[in-house]
Every structure is written in structure tokens, then in C-alpha cells.
Amino acid sequence: MAEIRGTCDDRFGRVRDTFEASLDADDVGASVAVYVDGEPVVDLWGGHVDAARTTPWERDTIVNVWSTTKTMVALCALMLADRGVIDLDAPVAEYWPEFAAAGKGGVRLRHVLGYTAGLPTWAEPITVPELFDWEDATARLAAQPARWAPGAVGCYHPLTQGFVIGEVVRRVTGRGLGAFFAEEVAGPLGADFHIGLPAEHDHRVAPVIPPPGAADTPAPGLDGEAPNPAIVAEDANTAAWRRAEIPSAGGHGNARSVGLVQSVLASGGAVGGVRLLSEAGCRRVLEEQYRGVDRYLDVPIRYGLGYRVEGRTCSWGGWGGSVVVVDLNTRLTVAYAMNQMLEQGALGDSRGLGLVLAAYQGLATAA
């Protein structure tokens, strides 16, 4: 049996049981957190940081959570919109004039957040190391045309979304997205989440473990095309990746920090006396931008502003299994982060889903 540490309110014992079963079955090391009204009711971790299972996963272990990072990018955009610094209905080019090149003047910020901007990837081949050059990667996006008219096609943007939003943040605040997030979100909340990881935290990182049998298999491309760039799981285990700002896929944290940050949306904009958004600003996440079959993921989906939405719940996850779910009605937030990646479907796997369902069962018991 896996050794689990941390705290768990008795009402949410099903979460602990589900987490323990997952660690005994598919996981190597992982963490799960549940917040209600911004207060932690589950904070558990267990397993190991290495595939050989020699080093235990500790309370402060962090891991690359891939696209779960996108929820942090979206939160930053919602905060700036709430402050009146940006208008989500404005063209991207209003803040980043070069972006209007090649006919993209009609692409609005809400198109980018809602995955209808028509920029699912770079038009010209780009390598993983070239992603680390922020000015070059964003200049390429600014120069290229969109594939489709803005708002016309729902198509997940695995990497480009974070670069576009990140450059707008840089233009309007004078700070890179990683610095803005650190100073305006993670710092005030005391959240151990990083977009661009300083070297002093390297010793706490659990390397990601590729899906079984897929160590050298890159993330899929679009419409049968070769992936661009061709990212493999092991890329996240390099120092260069950790140092870079990859706002769509390079965030490092654990379930506690992911859940803490995202619980802001479930709690009306404030957690622990720190207000990041107004209540109206939180509700904006639910504004529908697209409903239909996603061109990249090939599944039916409904996008709000930066998140998948269902009713009054918003969520997103990362390649291989990490996930966060935020319920604005019940004020519940559930987060899961792990090092063993699985590939069981376009929208995640059964580990995170099982924990979310267990949390709802605990919430029903509490009621």
C-alpha cells in the first residue's frame, strides 16, 4: 500500500481512498487537493518522485503540470480585464500592433482565450529550443496569418495561446507573464506555482515520467500533420525548459498550489483575505466562446474564457493527467498533479476524474 501523507477532512475520506487506490495502481507519485470556499479540506501527497521508487514525494514536491498551466494564464487575463487594463473584446493588435500582420487585425482577445483565434500552431517549423526565445517565438506568431477567420473554428491551441496572451500581458504591464503571475497571484496568495522556475527549486522537482511505451512519442499534431514543435515528455525534464516561460505548458506546482490559485474563482474572487477579482470578474470565465466539436481534440466541447465550461463549472487539465476543476455554484475546487503520465483520452484519464467525483461525494455528505 502506498504511503499517503497530509490532511483530509473526515467528510472527504472517499478522496483519500480513491487517491490511495490510484497510487497503488497507476501512479508513481502525486498530490491531490480539495478546497471549499477557498479553505483546504484535502491536502494529500504520496508515492515517489522517481520511476525506480527510491525517493519519496514530499509535501513541497512540484512537477511540470503541462496544460493545467493554461488556467493560470487565463486567470491573469481575467484579472487584467477586471481591472480595466485590457478589454477582452478588443483586437489583440490594440495592445500588440505587430500582431495585425497578415490579416489578423480582427482577432480579439476573447478569440484567443476561447480557442477560436485560428492560430493553433506556428505556421513555419519551430523546435523546442526555439520556444525558449520569447521574442522570436512571439514575433513569428505576429507575422503569420490565421488558418481560419476569427471565431469561425474551435480548435485547441496547445502552445500558442499562452504566448499570445503572455505577450499582451507584457505589452500592457511591462512584465513577462511569469513575473506578473509571481507578483500579482502566487506571491499574494502564498502559492507554490511557477511559470519559469528559478534554479533554487530544481531539487524539489519530480521529473515527469512518459506514458508507458511512449517515451519518445511527441504530443499529436493537427489534422494529421507532424507536431510543430515536436514536444516529447522528456523535454520537461531539462533545465532549459524549467527556466523558460512556456505559459501554455511549462508551469511547475502541485495540487495544493494549483487548487489554491484556482479556488479564487470558486470563492468570488478572494481567498485568505487576498482579493484578485471581483465577483463579476469571476463569472466572466463562464462566458461561452465556442460550442461544438474541437478541431484538434476531436471531441464535443464548450469553451468559456480560457477554460472548458459545463454549467457553472470550469476546468482544464494537462498532458498525461493533471487537472483542476472549479465549481462556482458549490464553491468547490479540486486539483490533481502527478509525475506518471498516461494517455487515456483527449480530455484526461480516470485518475483525476475519480478524485473529482469523490470530492463531490464528500461535498454531498457535508451538506
Protein backbone atom coordinates (compact mmCIF):
# COMPACT_ATOMS: atom_id res chain seq x y z
CA MET A 1 0.00 0.00 0.00
CA ALA A 2 1.23 3.46 -0.88
CA GLU A 3 2.14 5.75 1.99
CA ILE A 4 -0.06 8.85 1.95
CA ARG A 5 0.68 11.95 3.97
CA GLY A 6 -1.14 15.20 4.58
CA THR A 7 -4.56 16.14 5.88
CA CYS A 8 -8.07 15.14 4.91
CA ASP A 9 -11.36 16.25 6.46
CA ASP A 10 -13.35 13.20 7.54
CA ARG A 11 -16.16 14.16 5.18
CA PHE A 12 -13.81 13.68 2.24
CA GLY A 13 -12.48 10.27 3.19
CA ARG A 14 -13.57 8.96 -0.23
CA VAL A 15 -10.97 11.25 -1.80
CA ARG A 16 -8.25 9.72 0.36
CA ASP A 17 -9.40 6.19 -0.51
CA THR A 18 -9.50 6.98 -4.23
CA PHE A 19 -6.08 8.61 -4.09
CA GLU A 20 -4.60 5.64 -2.28
CA ALA A 21 -6.03 3.25 -4.85
CA SER A 22 -4.62 5.35 -7.68
CA LEU A 23 -1.15 5.36 -6.15
CA ASP A 24 -1.33 1.58 -5.79
CA ALA A 25 -2.46 1.14 -9.40
CA ASP A 26 -1.28 3.69 -11.98
CA ASP A 27 0.58 6.46 -10.20
CA VAL A 28 4.21 6.76 -9.13
CA GLY A 29 3.94 9.98 -7.16
CA ALA A 30 1.12 12.51 -6.92
CA SER A 31 -0.79 15.08 -4.90
CA VAL A 32 -4.47 15.96 -4.59
CA ALA A 33 -6.11 18.98 -3.01
CA VAL A 34 -9.70 20.00 -2.42
CA TYR A 35 -10.83 23.48 -1.41
CA VAL A 36 -14.29 24.59 -0.31
CA ASP A 37 -14.88 28.34 -0.04
CA GLY A 38 -11.15 28.77 -0.51
CA GLU A 39 -10.34 26.67 2.55
CA PRO A 40 -8.36 23.43 2.20
CA VAL A 41 -10.31 20.32 3.18
CA VAL A 42 -7.98 17.83 1.47
CA ASP A 43 -4.20 18.20 1.07
CA LEU A 44 -2.62 14.81 0.36
CA TRP A 45 0.53 13.58 -1.31
CA GLY A 46 2.28 10.25 -1.66
CA GLY A 47 4.33 7.88 -3.73
CA HIS A 48 7.72 8.69 -5.22
CA VAL A 49 9.39 11.28 -7.40
CA ASP A 50 11.30 8.71 -9.46
CA ALA A 51 10.23 5.74 -11.54
CA ALA A 52 12.52 3.47 -9.52
CA ARG A 53 10.53 4.47 -6.42
CA THR A 54 13.56 5.29 -4.30
CA THR A 55 12.80 8.90 -3.33
CA PRO A 56 9.50 9.79 -1.63
CA TRP A 57 7.20 12.53 -2.89
CA GLU A 58 7.36 15.25 -0.22
CA ARG A 59 4.98 17.99 0.84
CA ASP A 60 6.87 20.56 -1.23
CA THR A 61 7.50 18.37 -4.30
CA ILE A 62 6.48 20.14 -7.51
CA VAL A 63 6.08 18.88 -11.06
CA ASN A 64 5.51 20.21 -14.56
CA VAL A 65 1.72 20.19 -14.99
CA TRP A 66 1.68 20.83 -18.75
CA SER A 67 -1.54 22.49 -19.94
CA THR A 68 -3.03 22.89 -16.48
CA THR A 69 -0.76 25.96 -16.63
CA LYS A 70 -3.26 27.50 -19.06
CA THR A 71 -5.66 28.10 -16.18
CA MET A 72 -3.07 30.39 -14.61
CA VAL A 73 -2.66 32.31 -17.87
CA ALA A 74 -6.42 32.71 -18.19
CA LEU A 75 -6.69 33.92 -14.60
CA CYS A 76 -4.11 36.64 -15.30
CA ALA A 77 -6.09 37.78 -18.34
CA LEU A 78 -9.33 37.84 -16.35
CA MET A 79 -7.65 39.88 -13.62
CA LEU A 80 -6.36 42.48 -16.09
CA ALA A 81 -9.78 42.67 -17.72
CA ASP A 82 -11.40 43.10 -14.31
CA ARG A 83 -9.06 45.98 -13.60
CA GLY A 84 -9.89 47.62 -16.91
CA VAL A 85 -6.32 47.29 -18.15
CA ILE A 86 -7.41 45.19 -21.13
CA ASP A 87 -10.70 44.68 -22.93
CA LEU A 88 -11.28 41.04 -23.84
CA ASP A 89 -13.43 42.14 -26.78
CA ALA A 90 -10.64 44.30 -28.18
CA PRO A 91 -8.36 43.16 -31.01
CA VAL A 92 -5.06 41.68 -29.88
CA ALA A 93 -3.40 44.26 -32.13
CA GLU A 94 -4.72 47.09 -29.96
CA TYR A 95 -2.09 46.07 -27.41
CA TRP A 96 0.39 44.39 -29.76
CA PRO A 97 0.31 46.31 -33.08
CA GLU A 98 2.61 43.91 -34.94
CA PHE A 99 0.04 41.17 -34.44
CA ALA A 100 -2.23 42.75 -37.07
CA ALA A 101 0.11 41.50 -39.83
CA ALA A 102 -1.15 39.01 -42.41
CA GLY A 103 -4.79 39.93 -41.91
CA LYS A 104 -5.07 39.21 -38.17
CA GLY A 105 -6.47 42.61 -37.20
CA GLY A 106 -9.83 41.05 -36.38
CA VAL A 107 -8.51 38.51 -33.87
CA ARG A 108 -9.78 39.54 -30.46
CA LEU A 109 -8.52 38.55 -27.04
CA ARG A 110 -11.69 36.56 -26.42
CA HIS A 111 -10.95 34.55 -29.58
CA VAL A 112 -7.56 33.62 -28.16
CA LEU A 113 -8.97 32.64 -24.78
CA GLY A 114 -11.82 30.72 -26.41
CA TYR A 115 -9.62 28.80 -28.89
CA THR A 116 -11.17 30.38 -31.98
CA ALA A 117 -8.25 32.63 -32.97
CA GLY A 118 -7.14 30.37 -35.83
CA LEU A 119 -3.56 30.14 -34.56
CA PRO A 120 -3.36 26.56 -33.22
CA THR A 121 0.33 26.29 -34.04
CA TRP A 122 3.18 28.14 -35.71
CA ALA A 123 2.94 28.32 -39.49
CA GLU A 124 6.63 27.59 -40.01
CA PRO A 125 8.55 24.77 -38.32
CA ILE A 126 9.75 25.61 -34.83
CA THR A 127 11.85 23.49 -32.47
CA VAL A 128 11.52 23.11 -28.73
CA PRO A 129 14.72 25.10 -28.01
CA GLU A 130 13.36 27.91 -30.18
CA LEU A 131 10.38 28.19 -27.85
CA PHE A 132 12.77 29.41 -25.19
CA ASP A 133 13.41 32.62 -27.18
CA TRP A 134 10.32 34.60 -26.24
CA GLU A 135 10.83 37.49 -28.66
CA ASP A 136 11.42 35.19 -31.62
CA ALA A 137 8.51 32.84 -30.83
CA THR A 138 6.05 35.72 -30.44
CA ALA A 139 7.37 37.60 -33.49
CA ARG A 140 6.71 34.52 -35.60
CA LEU A 141 3.12 34.37 -34.38
CA ALA A 142 2.64 38.07 -35.06
CA ALA A 143 3.89 37.71 -38.64
CA GLN A 144 1.89 34.66 -39.71
CA PRO A 145 -1.70 34.52 -41.00
CA ALA A 146 -4.51 32.81 -39.14
CA ARG A 147 -5.77 29.49 -40.53
CA TRP A 148 -9.40 30.50 -40.23
CA ALA A 149 -11.45 33.63 -39.76
CA PRO A 150 -11.55 34.64 -36.08
CA GLY A 151 -14.39 32.97 -34.24
CA ALA A 152 -15.12 30.53 -37.07
CA VAL A 153 -13.45 27.32 -35.89
CA GLY A 154 -12.99 25.93 -32.38
CA CYS A 155 -9.52 24.44 -32.27
CA TYR A 156 -7.40 23.90 -29.17
CA HIS A 157 -4.12 25.85 -29.19
CA PRO A 158 -1.68 23.55 -27.31
CA LEU A 159 1.14 26.12 -27.07
CA THR A 160 0.41 29.32 -28.96
CA GLN A 161 -2.39 30.60 -26.72
CA GLY A 162 -0.05 31.25 -23.81
CA PHE A 163 2.45 33.08 -26.00
CA VAL A 164 -0.23 35.41 -27.40
CA ILE A 165 -1.80 36.18 -24.01
CA GLY A 166 1.66 36.39 -22.45
CA GLU A 167 2.82 38.97 -24.97
CA VAL A 168 -0.29 41.07 -24.38
CA VAL A 169 0.42 40.92 -20.65
CA ARG A 170 3.99 42.02 -21.32
CA ARG A 171 2.86 44.90 -23.51
CA VAL A 172 0.34 46.28 -21.02
CA THR A 173 2.19 45.66 -17.75
CA GLY A 174 5.86 45.79 -18.75
CA ARG A 175 6.34 42.38 -17.12
CA GLY A 176 6.59 38.91 -18.58
CA LEU A 177 3.72 36.62 -17.75
CA GLY A 178 5.85 34.63 -15.30
CA ALA A 179 6.79 37.75 -13.37
CA PHE A 180 3.25 39.11 -13.44
CA PHE A 181 1.88 35.82 -12.14
CA ALA A 182 4.53 35.62 -9.42
CA GLU A 183 3.99 39.18 -8.21
CA GLU A 184 0.22 39.51 -8.61
CA VAL A 185 -1.06 35.97 -7.99
CA ALA A 186 1.33 33.43 -6.48
CA GLY A 187 3.08 35.88 -4.17
CA PRO A 188 0.00 37.42 -2.56
CA LEU A 189 -1.67 34.01 -2.17
CA GLY A 190 1.46 32.20 -0.99
CA ALA A 191 1.04 29.67 -3.80
CA ASP A 192 3.99 27.47 -4.77
CA PHE A 193 3.39 27.67 -8.53
CA HIS A 194 5.91 28.97 -11.04
CA ILE A 195 5.87 29.89 -14.73
CA GLY A 196 9.60 29.90 -15.37
CA LEU A 197 11.20 28.03 -12.47
CA PRO A 198 14.21 29.55 -10.67
CA ALA A 199 17.16 27.15 -10.27
CA GLU A 200 16.90 27.10 -6.49
CA HIS A 201 13.75 24.99 -6.79
CA ASP A 202 15.22 22.30 -9.03
CA HIS A 203 15.84 19.90 -6.16
CA ARG A 204 12.11 19.80 -5.44
CA VAL A 205 11.04 18.85 -8.96
CA ALA A 206 9.66 15.40 -9.69
CA PRO A 207 10.62 14.56 -13.28
CA VAL A 208 7.66 13.68 -15.47
CA ILE A 209 7.50 10.03 -16.48
CA PRO A 210 6.31 9.45 -20.07
CA PRO A 211 3.27 7.28 -20.70
CA PRO A 212 4.16 3.58 -20.73
CA GLY A 213 5.68 2.64 -24.05
CA ALA A 214 5.65 6.22 -25.34
CA ALA A 215 8.91 7.73 -24.10
CA ASP A 216 9.79 9.24 -27.49
CA THR A 217 6.26 9.87 -28.75
CA PRO A 218 5.55 13.57 -29.27
CA ALA A 219 2.28 15.26 -28.48
CA PRO A 220 -0.03 14.91 -31.52
CA GLY A 221 -0.23 17.35 -34.40
CA LEU A 222 -3.28 18.88 -36.07
CA ASP A 223 -5.21 17.29 -38.95
CA GLY A 224 -2.65 14.52 -39.33
CA GLU A 225 0.25 16.97 -39.64
CA ALA A 226 3.56 16.45 -37.90
CA PRO A 227 3.61 18.11 -34.45
CA ASN A 228 5.06 21.63 -34.53
CA PRO A 229 7.06 21.74 -32.36
CA ALA A 230 7.53 18.04 -31.71
CA ILE A 231 7.46 18.05 -27.92
CA VAL A 232 8.17 14.81 -26.06
CA ALA A 233 7.58 14.33 -22.36
CA GLU A 234 11.30 14.28 -21.53
CA ASP A 235 11.62 17.88 -22.76
CA ALA A 236 10.04 18.99 -19.49
CA ASN A 237 12.87 17.36 -17.54
CA THR A 238 15.53 19.70 -18.87
CA ALA A 239 16.85 22.78 -17.08
CA ALA A 240 16.22 24.87 -20.19
CA TRP A 241 12.52 24.01 -20.14
CA ARG A 242 12.20 24.81 -16.44
CA ARG A 243 13.87 28.22 -16.82
CA ALA A 244 11.86 29.26 -19.86
CA GLU A 245 8.44 30.85 -19.78
CA ILE A 246 6.19 28.38 -21.60
CA PRO A 247 2.86 29.76 -20.38
CA SER A 248 0.71 27.11 -22.04
CA ALA A 249 2.61 24.09 -20.78
CA GLY A 250 5.59 24.85 -18.55
CA GLY A 251 4.13 25.66 -15.13
CA HIS A 252 5.50 23.88 -12.07
CA GLY A 253 3.45 23.30 -8.95
CA ASN A 254 1.49 20.70 -7.04
CA ALA A 255 -2.17 20.09 -6.31
CA ARG A 256 -2.09 22.37 -3.27
CA SER A 257 -0.82 25.38 -5.23
CA VAL A 258 -2.97 24.75 -8.30
CA GLY A 259 -6.07 24.37 -6.15
CA LEU A 260 -5.28 27.41 -4.04
CA VAL A 261 -4.89 29.72 -7.03
CA GLN A 262 -7.92 28.44 -8.88
CA SER A 263 -10.11 28.48 -5.76
CA VAL A 264 -10.14 32.25 -6.24
CA LEU A 265 -12.75 31.71 -8.96
CA ALA A 266 -14.87 29.47 -6.73
CA SER A 267 -14.74 31.94 -3.85
CA GLY A 268 -16.00 35.07 -5.52
CA GLY A 269 -12.53 36.43 -6.26
CA ALA A 270 -10.90 36.42 -2.83
CA VAL A 271 -9.04 33.79 -0.80
CA GLY A 272 -7.41 34.21 2.60
CA GLY A 273 -8.14 37.92 2.63
CA VAL A 274 -6.47 38.44 -0.75
CA ARG A 275 -8.79 39.70 -3.49
CA LEU A 276 -7.72 39.11 -7.07
CA LEU A 277 -11.05 39.51 -8.86
CA SER A 278 -14.49 40.95 -8.33
CA GLU A 279 -17.39 38.52 -8.23
CA ALA A 280 -18.45 39.73 -11.68
CA GLY A 281 -14.90 39.18 -12.89
CA CYS A 282 -15.06 35.58 -11.73
CA ARG A 283 -18.34 34.96 -13.53
CA ARG A 284 -16.81 36.07 -16.83
CA VAL A 285 -14.95 32.77 -17.05
CA LEU A 286 -18.31 31.16 -17.94
CA GLU A 287 -18.99 33.39 -20.97
CA GLU A 288 -19.37 30.95 -23.85
CA GLN A 289 -16.95 31.46 -26.74
CA TYR A 290 -17.42 28.19 -28.60
CA ARG A 291 -19.67 25.15 -28.52
CA GLY A 292 -19.10 22.21 -30.85
CA VAL A 293 -16.51 19.62 -31.85
CA ASP A 294 -12.95 20.81 -31.30
CA ARG A 295 -10.89 20.54 -34.49
CA TYR A 296 -7.72 19.47 -32.66
CA LEU A 297 -9.13 17.32 -29.85
CA ASP A 298 -11.94 15.84 -31.97
CA VAL A 299 -14.39 15.87 -29.06
CA PRO A 300 -17.51 17.96 -28.33
CA ILE A 301 -16.60 20.81 -26.03
CA ARG A 302 -17.76 24.17 -24.73
CA TYR A 303 -15.15 26.87 -24.17
CA GLY A 304 -15.54 29.86 -21.90
CA LEU A 305 -12.81 32.44 -21.37
CA GLY A 306 -9.74 30.25 -21.06
CA TYR A 307 -11.43 27.17 -19.62
CA ARG A 308 -13.71 24.33 -20.62
CA VAL A 309 -17.10 25.11 -19.12
CA GLU A 310 -20.08 22.97 -18.18
CA GLY A 311 -22.93 24.73 -16.40
CA ARG A 312 -21.22 26.86 -13.75
CA THR A 313 -18.12 24.68 -13.64
CA CYS A 314 -14.85 25.50 -15.38
CA SER A 315 -11.86 23.21 -15.77
CA TRP A 316 -8.79 22.22 -17.70
CA GLY A 317 -6.04 19.63 -17.48
CA GLY A 318 -2.55 18.83 -18.65
CA TRP A 319 -0.99 16.29 -20.98
CA GLY A 320 -0.78 12.97 -19.17
CA GLY A 321 -3.28 13.57 -16.39
CA SER A 322 -3.06 16.70 -14.20
CA VAL A 323 -6.35 18.56 -13.79
CA VAL A 324 -8.19 21.29 -11.95
CA VAL A 325 -11.97 21.67 -11.67
CA VAL A 326 -13.65 24.79 -10.26
CA ASP A 327 -17.36 24.83 -9.40
CA LEU A 328 -18.72 28.35 -8.95
CA ASN A 329 -22.03 27.04 -7.60
CA THR A 330 -20.75 24.78 -4.83
CA ARG A 331 -17.56 26.84 -4.34
CA LEU A 332 -15.56 23.63 -4.75
CA THR A 333 -12.09 23.35 -6.28
CA VAL A 334 -10.32 20.03 -6.94
CA ALA A 335 -6.74 19.74 -8.20
CA TYR A 336 -4.53 16.78 -9.01
CA ALA A 337 -0.89 16.71 -10.10
CA MET A 338 1.32 13.70 -10.74
CA ASN A 339 4.55 12.59 -12.43
CA GLN A 340 3.39 9.40 -14.19
CA MET A 341 1.74 10.43 -17.44
CA LEU A 342 -0.99 8.29 -19.00
CA GLU A 343 -2.76 8.65 -22.33
CA GLN A 344 -6.36 7.54 -21.96
CA GLY A 345 -8.19 10.23 -23.90
CA ALA A 346 -8.15 13.77 -25.27
CA LEU A 347 -9.51 15.26 -22.04
CA GLY A 348 -7.53 13.35 -19.44
CA ASP A 349 -7.75 10.00 -17.70
CA SER A 350 -9.64 8.24 -14.94
CA ARG A 351 -7.34 9.23 -12.08
CA GLY A 352 -8.28 12.89 -11.92
CA LEU A 353 -11.90 12.17 -12.77
CA GLY A 354 -12.13 9.67 -9.92
CA LEU A 355 -10.82 12.21 -7.45
CA VAL A 356 -13.24 14.88 -8.67
CA LEU A 357 -16.20 12.51 -8.30
CA ALA A 358 -15.02 11.52 -4.83
CA ALA A 359 -14.81 15.18 -3.83
CA TYR A 360 -18.39 15.76 -4.95
CA GLN A 361 -19.47 12.78 -2.88
CA GLY A 362 -17.76 14.34 0.13
CA LEU A 363 -19.44 17.63 -0.56
CA ALA A 364 -22.84 15.91 -0.65
CA THR A 365 -22.04 14.25 2.69
CA ALA A 366 -21.07 17.61 4.16
CA ALA A 367 -24.39 19.08 3.05
